[in-house]
Amino acid sequence: MPMPMPMPMPPPQGGHYPPPPGHFPHPMPGQMGPGTFMHPGGHTATVLAPPGAATTVTVLQGEMFQTSPVQTVCPHCQQAIVTRISHDIGLMNTLFCLFCFFVGCDLGCCLVPCLIDDLKDVTHSCPSCKGYIYTYKRIC
């Protein structure tokens, strides 16, 4: 005799079934789940640790470090900081200088792109320990 098929259960009040045991659902955009930390720029890190265990997490993501100072934790001294930025001549400046030179700006005018901070690479460092953190490169 064939086994009868079980009847499907109607969904609970909220319209969603509860997750299986040991499963941690991903939070919806804008929601914060347990153990989830929101970083500037919308980046998240989920930390799973046994109860009572001390956990240190350092998250550095290049998308966060661009042209303005960023609040983060220094990977060298473990202090909560706002990065110090400096502008350095990079590939973008060099390409603009060469372009200006080949177009005909050869009396020193081709060096003007080296004075423009918006074309320079941005180096982030720790104001406390002076440690290097990240360089945001305009090209490559």
N, C-alpha and C. Protein backbone atom coordinates (compact mmCIF):
# COMPACT_ATOMS: atom_id res chain seq x y z
N MET A 1 0.84 -1.16 0.00
CA MET A 1 0.00 0.00 0.00
C MET A 1 0.90 1.24 0.00
N PRO A 2 0.65 2.21 -0.88
CA PRO A 2 1.48 3.41 -0.94
C PRO A 2 1.29 4.26 0.31
N MET A 3 2.42 4.95 0.71
CA MET A 3 2.36 5.80 1.88
C MET A 3 1.66 7.11 1.52
N PRO A 4 0.80 7.59 2.41
CA PRO A 4 0.13 8.85 2.11
C PRO A 4 1.14 10.00 2.21
N MET A 5 0.97 10.98 1.35
CA MET A 5 1.82 12.17 1.34
C MET A 5 1.41 13.08 2.48
N PRO A 6 2.37 13.62 3.23
CA PRO A 6 2.00 14.53 4.31
C PRO A 6 1.44 15.83 3.72
N MET A 7 0.48 16.38 4.42
CA MET A 7 -0.14 17.63 3.97
C MET A 7 0.81 18.79 4.28
N PRO A 8 0.98 19.72 3.37
CA PRO A 8 1.85 20.87 3.64
C PRO A 8 1.27 21.72 4.77
N MET A 9 2.18 22.21 5.60
CA MET A 9 1.78 23.05 6.72
C MET A 9 1.64 24.49 6.22
N PRO A 10 0.62 25.21 6.70
CA PRO A 10 0.53 26.62 6.31
C PRO A 10 1.66 27.40 6.99
N PRO A 11 2.13 28.46 6.34
CA PRO A 11 3.21 29.25 6.95
C PRO A 11 2.74 29.90 8.25
N PRO A 12 3.68 30.14 9.18
CA PRO A 12 3.30 30.77 10.45
C PRO A 12 2.85 32.22 10.24
N GLN A 13 2.52 32.89 11.33
CA GLN A 13 1.93 34.23 11.31
C GLN A 13 2.68 35.21 10.40
N GLY A 14 4.00 35.32 10.52
CA GLY A 14 4.77 36.30 9.75
C GLY A 14 4.93 35.93 8.29
N GLY A 15 4.53 34.72 7.90
CA GLY A 15 4.67 34.28 6.53
C GLY A 15 5.99 33.61 6.24
N HIS A 16 6.86 33.45 7.25
CA HIS A 16 8.17 32.82 7.05
C HIS A 16 8.33 31.69 8.05
N TYR A 17 8.95 30.61 7.60
CA TYR A 17 9.26 29.51 8.49
C TYR A 17 10.49 29.88 9.31
N PRO A 18 10.62 29.38 10.54
CA PRO A 18 11.83 29.67 11.34
C PRO A 18 13.02 28.95 10.72
N PRO A 19 14.24 29.51 10.89
CA PRO A 19 15.43 28.86 10.32
C PRO A 19 15.73 27.56 11.05
N PRO A 20 16.38 26.61 10.37
CA PRO A 20 16.75 25.37 11.04
C PRO A 20 17.76 25.64 12.15
N PRO A 21 17.86 24.76 13.15
CA PRO A 21 18.80 24.98 14.25
C PRO A 21 20.24 25.09 13.74
N GLY A 22 21.00 26.03 14.31
CA GLY A 22 22.40 26.22 13.92
C GLY A 22 22.57 27.07 12.68
N HIS A 23 21.49 27.55 12.08
CA HIS A 23 21.55 28.36 10.87
C HIS A 23 21.38 29.82 11.26
N PHE A 24 22.29 30.68 10.78
CA PHE A 24 22.20 32.10 11.07
C PHE A 24 21.76 32.81 9.80
N PRO A 25 20.52 33.30 9.74
CA PRO A 25 20.06 33.96 8.52
C PRO A 25 20.79 35.26 8.28
N HIS A 26 20.92 35.61 6.99
CA HIS A 26 21.55 36.88 6.63
C HIS A 26 20.55 38.00 6.87
N PRO A 27 20.96 39.10 7.53
CA PRO A 27 20.02 40.19 7.77
C PRO A 27 19.66 40.88 6.46
N MET A 28 18.47 41.40 6.41
CA MET A 28 18.02 42.17 5.26
C MET A 28 18.79 43.49 5.25
N PRO A 29 18.92 44.16 4.08
CA PRO A 29 19.61 45.44 4.04
C PRO A 29 18.99 46.41 5.05
N GLY A 30 19.86 47.05 5.84
CA GLY A 30 19.39 48.00 6.84
C GLY A 30 19.14 47.37 8.19
N GLN A 31 19.15 46.03 8.29
CA GLN A 31 18.95 45.36 9.56
C GLN A 31 20.29 44.93 10.12
N MET A 32 20.36 44.85 11.41
CA MET A 32 21.57 44.39 12.07
C MET A 32 21.24 43.11 12.82
N GLY A 33 21.92 42.04 12.51
CA GLY A 33 21.70 40.77 13.20
C GLY A 33 22.67 40.62 14.36
N PRO A 34 22.53 39.55 15.15
CA PRO A 34 23.44 39.35 16.26
C PRO A 34 24.86 39.08 15.76
N GLY A 35 25.85 39.75 16.37
CA GLY A 35 27.24 39.54 15.99
C GLY A 35 27.63 40.24 14.70
N THR A 36 26.77 41.12 14.17
CA THR A 36 27.07 41.81 12.93
C THR A 36 27.43 43.25 13.24
N PHE A 37 28.52 43.74 12.65
CA PHE A 37 28.98 45.08 12.90
C PHE A 37 29.02 45.83 11.59
N MET A 38 28.44 47.03 11.56
CA MET A 38 28.42 47.84 10.35
C MET A 38 29.62 48.76 10.35
N HIS A 39 30.34 48.78 9.23
CA HIS A 39 31.50 49.65 9.07
C HIS A 39 31.13 50.79 8.14
N PRO A 40 31.86 51.91 8.17
CA PRO A 40 31.57 53.01 7.24
C PRO A 40 31.62 52.51 5.81
N GLY A 41 30.75 53.00 5.00
CA GLY A 41 30.70 52.59 3.61
C GLY A 41 29.81 51.39 3.38
N GLY A 42 29.10 50.92 4.40
CA GLY A 42 28.15 49.83 4.23
C GLY A 42 28.76 48.45 4.27
N HIS A 43 29.99 48.29 4.70
CA HIS A 43 30.63 46.99 4.78
C HIS A 43 30.28 46.34 6.10
N THR A 44 30.08 45.02 6.10
CA THR A 44 29.75 44.34 7.34
C THR A 44 30.76 43.24 7.62
N ALA A 45 30.90 42.93 8.87
CA ALA A 45 31.73 41.81 9.30
C ALA A 45 30.93 41.04 10.33
N THR A 46 30.85 39.72 10.19
CA THR A 46 30.13 38.89 11.14
C THR A 46 31.14 38.10 11.94
N VAL A 47 31.01 38.17 13.25
CA VAL A 47 31.94 37.49 14.15
C VAL A 47 31.17 36.42 14.90
N LEU A 48 31.61 35.17 14.77
CA LEU A 48 31.03 34.06 15.52
C LEU A 48 32.10 33.54 16.45
N ALA A 49 31.85 33.62 17.75
CA ALA A 49 32.83 33.17 18.74
C ALA A 49 32.08 32.48 19.87
N PRO A 50 32.73 31.52 20.53
CA PRO A 50 32.08 30.87 21.67
C PRO A 50 31.80 31.90 22.77
N PRO A 51 30.75 31.68 23.57
CA PRO A 51 30.44 32.62 24.64
C PRO A 51 31.62 32.75 25.61
N GLY A 52 31.92 33.98 25.99
CA GLY A 52 33.00 34.24 26.94
C GLY A 52 34.37 34.37 26.31
N ALA A 53 34.49 34.12 25.00
CA ALA A 53 35.80 34.20 24.34
C ALA A 53 36.07 35.63 23.92
N ALA A 54 37.29 36.10 24.14
CA ALA A 54 37.68 37.44 23.70
C ALA A 54 38.02 37.38 22.22
N THR A 55 37.48 38.31 21.44
CA THR A 55 37.69 38.32 20.00
C THR A 55 38.15 39.70 19.57
N THR A 56 39.25 39.76 18.82
CA THR A 56 39.73 41.01 18.25
C THR A 56 39.60 40.89 16.75
N VAL A 57 38.93 41.86 16.14
CA VAL A 57 38.71 41.85 14.70
C VAL A 57 39.20 43.16 14.13
N THR A 58 40.07 43.09 13.14
CA THR A 58 40.52 44.28 12.42
C THR A 58 40.12 44.09 10.97
N VAL A 59 39.25 44.96 10.48
CA VAL A 59 38.77 44.87 9.11
C VAL A 59 39.27 46.09 8.36
N LEU A 60 40.11 45.87 7.36
CA LEU A 60 40.59 46.94 6.51
C LEU A 60 40.17 46.61 5.10
N GLN A 61 39.39 47.47 4.49
CA GLN A 61 38.95 47.24 3.13
C GLN A 61 39.30 48.45 2.29
N GLY A 62 39.89 48.19 1.14
CA GLY A 62 40.37 49.26 0.28
C GLY A 62 39.29 50.22 -0.17
N GLU A 63 38.03 49.73 -0.31
CA GLU A 63 36.97 50.61 -0.76
C GLU A 63 36.71 51.73 0.24
N MET A 64 37.03 51.50 1.52
CA MET A 64 36.79 52.49 2.55
C MET A 64 37.81 53.61 2.49
N PHE A 65 39.04 53.28 2.17
CA PHE A 65 40.14 54.23 2.21
C PHE A 65 40.27 54.89 0.85
N GLN A 66 39.70 56.08 0.73
CA GLN A 66 39.82 56.79 -0.53
C GLN A 66 40.46 58.14 -0.31
N THR A 67 39.76 59.24 -0.61
CA THR A 67 40.40 60.55 -0.59
C THR A 67 40.25 61.31 0.72
N SER A 68 39.44 60.84 1.65
CA SER A 68 39.25 61.57 2.90
C SER A 68 39.64 60.68 4.08
N PRO A 69 39.95 61.29 5.23
CA PRO A 69 40.30 60.49 6.41
C PRO A 69 39.16 59.56 6.82
N VAL A 70 39.52 58.40 7.35
CA VAL A 70 38.55 57.36 7.69
C VAL A 70 38.72 56.97 9.15
N GLN A 71 37.60 56.72 9.83
CA GLN A 71 37.66 56.23 11.20
C GLN A 71 37.83 54.72 11.16
N THR A 72 38.86 54.21 11.83
CA THR A 72 39.16 52.78 11.80
C THR A 72 39.97 52.42 13.04
N VAL A 73 40.42 51.17 13.09
CA VAL A 73 41.30 50.71 14.15
C VAL A 73 42.67 50.46 13.51
N CYS A 74 43.70 51.05 14.09
CA CYS A 74 45.05 50.89 13.55
C CYS A 74 45.50 49.44 13.72
N PRO A 75 45.97 48.79 12.64
CA PRO A 75 46.43 47.41 12.75
C PRO A 75 47.75 47.29 13.51
N HIS A 76 48.45 48.41 13.73
CA HIS A 76 49.74 48.37 14.42
C HIS A 76 49.59 48.58 15.92
N CYS A 77 48.88 49.65 16.34
CA CYS A 77 48.77 49.97 17.77
C CYS A 77 47.40 49.63 18.35
N GLN A 78 46.47 49.14 17.52
CA GLN A 78 45.12 48.71 17.94
C GLN A 78 44.31 49.83 18.58
N GLN A 79 44.60 51.09 18.25
CA GLN A 79 43.85 52.23 18.77
C GLN A 79 42.76 52.61 17.77
N ALA A 80 41.61 53.09 18.29
CA ALA A 80 40.57 53.64 17.42
C ALA A 80 41.04 55.03 16.98
N ILE A 81 41.16 55.22 15.66
CA ILE A 81 41.76 56.45 15.13
C ILE A 81 40.95 56.98 13.96
N VAL A 82 41.25 58.20 13.56
CA VAL A 82 40.86 58.76 12.27
C VAL A 82 42.17 58.92 11.51
N THR A 83 42.26 58.30 10.34
CA THR A 83 43.54 58.26 9.63
C THR A 83 44.02 59.65 9.24
N ARG A 84 45.33 59.80 9.18
CA ARG A 84 45.97 61.01 8.68
C ARG A 84 46.30 60.73 7.22
N ILE A 85 45.97 61.67 6.34
CA ILE A 85 46.22 61.44 4.92
C ILE A 85 47.33 62.36 4.42
N SER A 86 48.05 61.88 3.42
CA SER A 86 49.04 62.69 2.72
C SER A 86 48.91 62.40 1.23
N HIS A 87 49.17 63.40 0.41
CA HIS A 87 49.06 63.26 -1.04
C HIS A 87 50.45 63.08 -1.63
N ASP A 88 50.59 62.05 -2.47
CA ASP A 88 51.89 61.73 -3.08
C ASP A 88 51.72 61.65 -4.59
N ILE A 89 52.74 62.08 -5.32
CA ILE A 89 52.70 62.01 -6.79
C ILE A 89 52.68 60.56 -7.20
N GLY A 90 51.75 60.24 -8.10
CA GLY A 90 51.59 58.85 -8.55
C GLY A 90 51.51 58.76 -10.07
N LEU A 91 51.00 57.65 -10.53
CA LEU A 91 50.91 57.38 -11.96
C LEU A 91 50.00 58.37 -12.68
N MET A 92 48.90 58.76 -12.05
CA MET A 92 47.97 59.70 -12.67
C MET A 92 48.67 61.04 -12.97
N ASN A 93 49.45 61.55 -12.01
CA ASN A 93 50.18 62.81 -12.23
C ASN A 93 51.17 62.66 -13.38
N THR A 94 51.90 61.56 -13.40
CA THR A 94 52.91 61.33 -14.43
C THR A 94 52.27 61.28 -15.81
N LEU A 95 51.14 60.59 -15.94
CA LEU A 95 50.47 60.49 -17.24
C LEU A 95 49.97 61.86 -17.71
N PHE A 96 49.41 62.65 -16.80
CA PHE A 96 48.96 63.99 -17.18
C PHE A 96 50.13 64.88 -17.58
N CYS A 97 51.25 64.77 -16.88
CA CYS A 97 52.44 65.56 -17.24
C CYS A 97 52.93 65.19 -18.63
N LEU A 98 53.00 63.89 -18.91
CA LEU A 98 53.43 63.45 -20.24
C LEU A 98 52.46 63.91 -21.31
N PHE A 99 51.18 63.83 -21.04
CA PHE A 99 50.17 64.28 -22.00
C PHE A 99 50.35 65.78 -22.29
N CYS A 100 50.51 66.56 -21.23
CA CYS A 100 50.70 68.01 -21.43
C CYS A 100 51.97 68.30 -22.22
N PHE A 101 53.04 67.55 -21.95
CA PHE A 101 54.30 67.75 -22.66
C PHE A 101 54.14 67.46 -24.15
N PHE A 102 53.47 66.36 -24.49
CA PHE A 102 53.31 65.97 -25.90
C PHE A 102 52.32 66.87 -26.63
N VAL A 103 51.42 67.51 -25.89
CA VAL A 103 50.47 68.43 -26.52
C VAL A 103 51.13 69.77 -26.82
N GLY A 104 52.22 70.08 -26.12
CA GLY A 104 52.94 71.31 -26.43
C GLY A 104 53.21 72.19 -25.22
N CYS A 105 52.85 71.75 -24.04
CA CYS A 105 53.14 72.52 -22.82
C CYS A 105 54.51 72.11 -22.32
N ASP A 106 55.58 72.65 -22.95
CA ASP A 106 56.91 72.18 -22.63
C ASP A 106 57.76 73.20 -21.87
N LEU A 107 57.22 74.34 -21.50
CA LEU A 107 57.99 75.36 -20.78
C LEU A 107 57.70 75.29 -19.28
N GLY A 108 57.56 74.12 -18.74
CA GLY A 108 57.27 73.96 -17.32
C GLY A 108 55.79 73.81 -17.02
N CYS A 109 54.94 74.17 -17.97
CA CYS A 109 53.50 74.04 -17.77
C CYS A 109 53.09 72.57 -17.66
N CYS A 110 53.90 71.68 -18.21
CA CYS A 110 53.56 70.26 -18.15
C CYS A 110 53.68 69.72 -16.72
N LEU A 111 54.31 70.48 -15.83
CA LEU A 111 54.47 70.04 -14.44
C LEU A 111 53.30 70.46 -13.55
N VAL A 112 52.36 71.24 -14.08
CA VAL A 112 51.20 71.70 -13.30
C VAL A 112 50.41 70.52 -12.71
N PRO A 113 50.20 69.40 -13.42
CA PRO A 113 49.46 68.29 -12.81
C PRO A 113 50.11 67.76 -11.52
N CYS A 114 51.40 67.99 -11.32
CA CYS A 114 52.06 67.54 -10.09
C CYS A 114 51.66 68.38 -8.88
N LEU A 115 51.02 69.53 -9.11
CA LEU A 115 50.59 70.40 -8.02
C LEU A 115 49.13 70.17 -7.62
N ILE A 116 48.41 69.36 -8.36
CA ILE A 116 46.98 69.16 -8.14
C ILE A 116 46.75 67.93 -7.25
N ASP A 117 46.23 68.16 -6.03
CA ASP A 117 46.01 67.05 -5.08
C ASP A 117 44.98 66.04 -5.58
N ASP A 118 44.01 66.49 -6.38
CA ASP A 118 42.98 65.57 -6.86
C ASP A 118 43.52 64.54 -7.85
N LEU A 119 44.74 64.70 -8.31
CA LEU A 119 45.37 63.73 -9.21
C LEU A 119 46.38 62.85 -8.48
N LYS A 120 46.70 63.20 -7.24
CA LYS A 120 47.73 62.47 -6.49
C LYS A 120 47.15 61.26 -5.76
N ASP A 121 48.02 60.28 -5.47
CA ASP A 121 47.65 59.14 -4.65
C ASP A 121 47.49 59.62 -3.20
N VAL A 122 46.65 58.93 -2.43
CA VAL A 122 46.38 59.32 -1.04
C VAL A 122 46.88 58.21 -0.12
N THR A 123 47.80 58.55 0.78
CA THR A 123 48.34 57.58 1.73
C THR A 123 47.70 57.81 3.10
N HIS A 124 47.12 56.75 3.67
CA HIS A 124 46.52 56.80 5.00
C HIS A 124 47.51 56.25 6.02
N SER A 125 47.69 56.98 7.13
CA SER A 125 48.59 56.52 8.19
C SER A 125 47.95 56.79 9.54
N CYS A 126 48.49 56.17 10.57
CA CYS A 126 47.98 56.32 11.93
C CYS A 126 48.58 57.58 12.56
N PRO A 127 47.74 58.48 13.11
CA PRO A 127 48.29 59.67 13.76
C PRO A 127 48.96 59.36 15.10
N SER A 128 48.63 58.20 15.71
CA SER A 128 49.22 57.85 17.01
C SER A 128 50.61 57.26 16.86
N CYS A 129 50.72 56.16 16.10
CA CYS A 129 52.00 55.45 15.99
C CYS A 129 52.72 55.73 14.67
N LYS A 130 52.11 56.54 13.80
CA LYS A 130 52.68 56.90 12.49
C LYS A 130 52.81 55.70 11.56
N GLY A 131 52.12 54.60 11.86
CA GLY A 131 52.19 53.41 11.03
C GLY A 131 51.44 53.56 9.72
N TYR A 132 51.97 52.95 8.67
CA TYR A 132 51.34 52.95 7.35
C TYR A 132 50.10 52.06 7.38
N ILE A 133 48.98 52.54 6.80
CA ILE A 133 47.75 51.75 6.77
C ILE A 133 47.37 51.38 5.35
N TYR A 134 47.26 52.35 4.44
CA TYR A 134 46.78 52.04 3.09
C TYR A 134 47.13 53.19 2.16
N THR A 135 47.32 52.89 0.86
CA THR A 135 47.49 53.92 -0.16
C THR A 135 46.40 53.76 -1.20
N TYR A 136 45.62 54.82 -1.38
CA TYR A 136 44.59 54.84 -2.42
C TYR A 136 45.23 55.38 -3.68
N LYS A 137 45.34 54.52 -4.70
CA LYS A 137 45.98 54.90 -5.95
C LYS A 137 44.91 55.30 -6.95
N ARG A 138 45.15 56.40 -7.64
CA ARG A 138 44.19 56.90 -8.63
C ARG A 138 44.10 55.96 -9.82
N ILE A 139 45.25 55.40 -10.23
CA ILE A 139 45.29 54.43 -11.33
C ILE A 139 46.14 53.26 -10.85
N CYS A 140 45.62 52.05 -11.04
CA CYS A 140 46.33 50.81 -10.67
C CYS A 140 46.65 50.84 -9.22
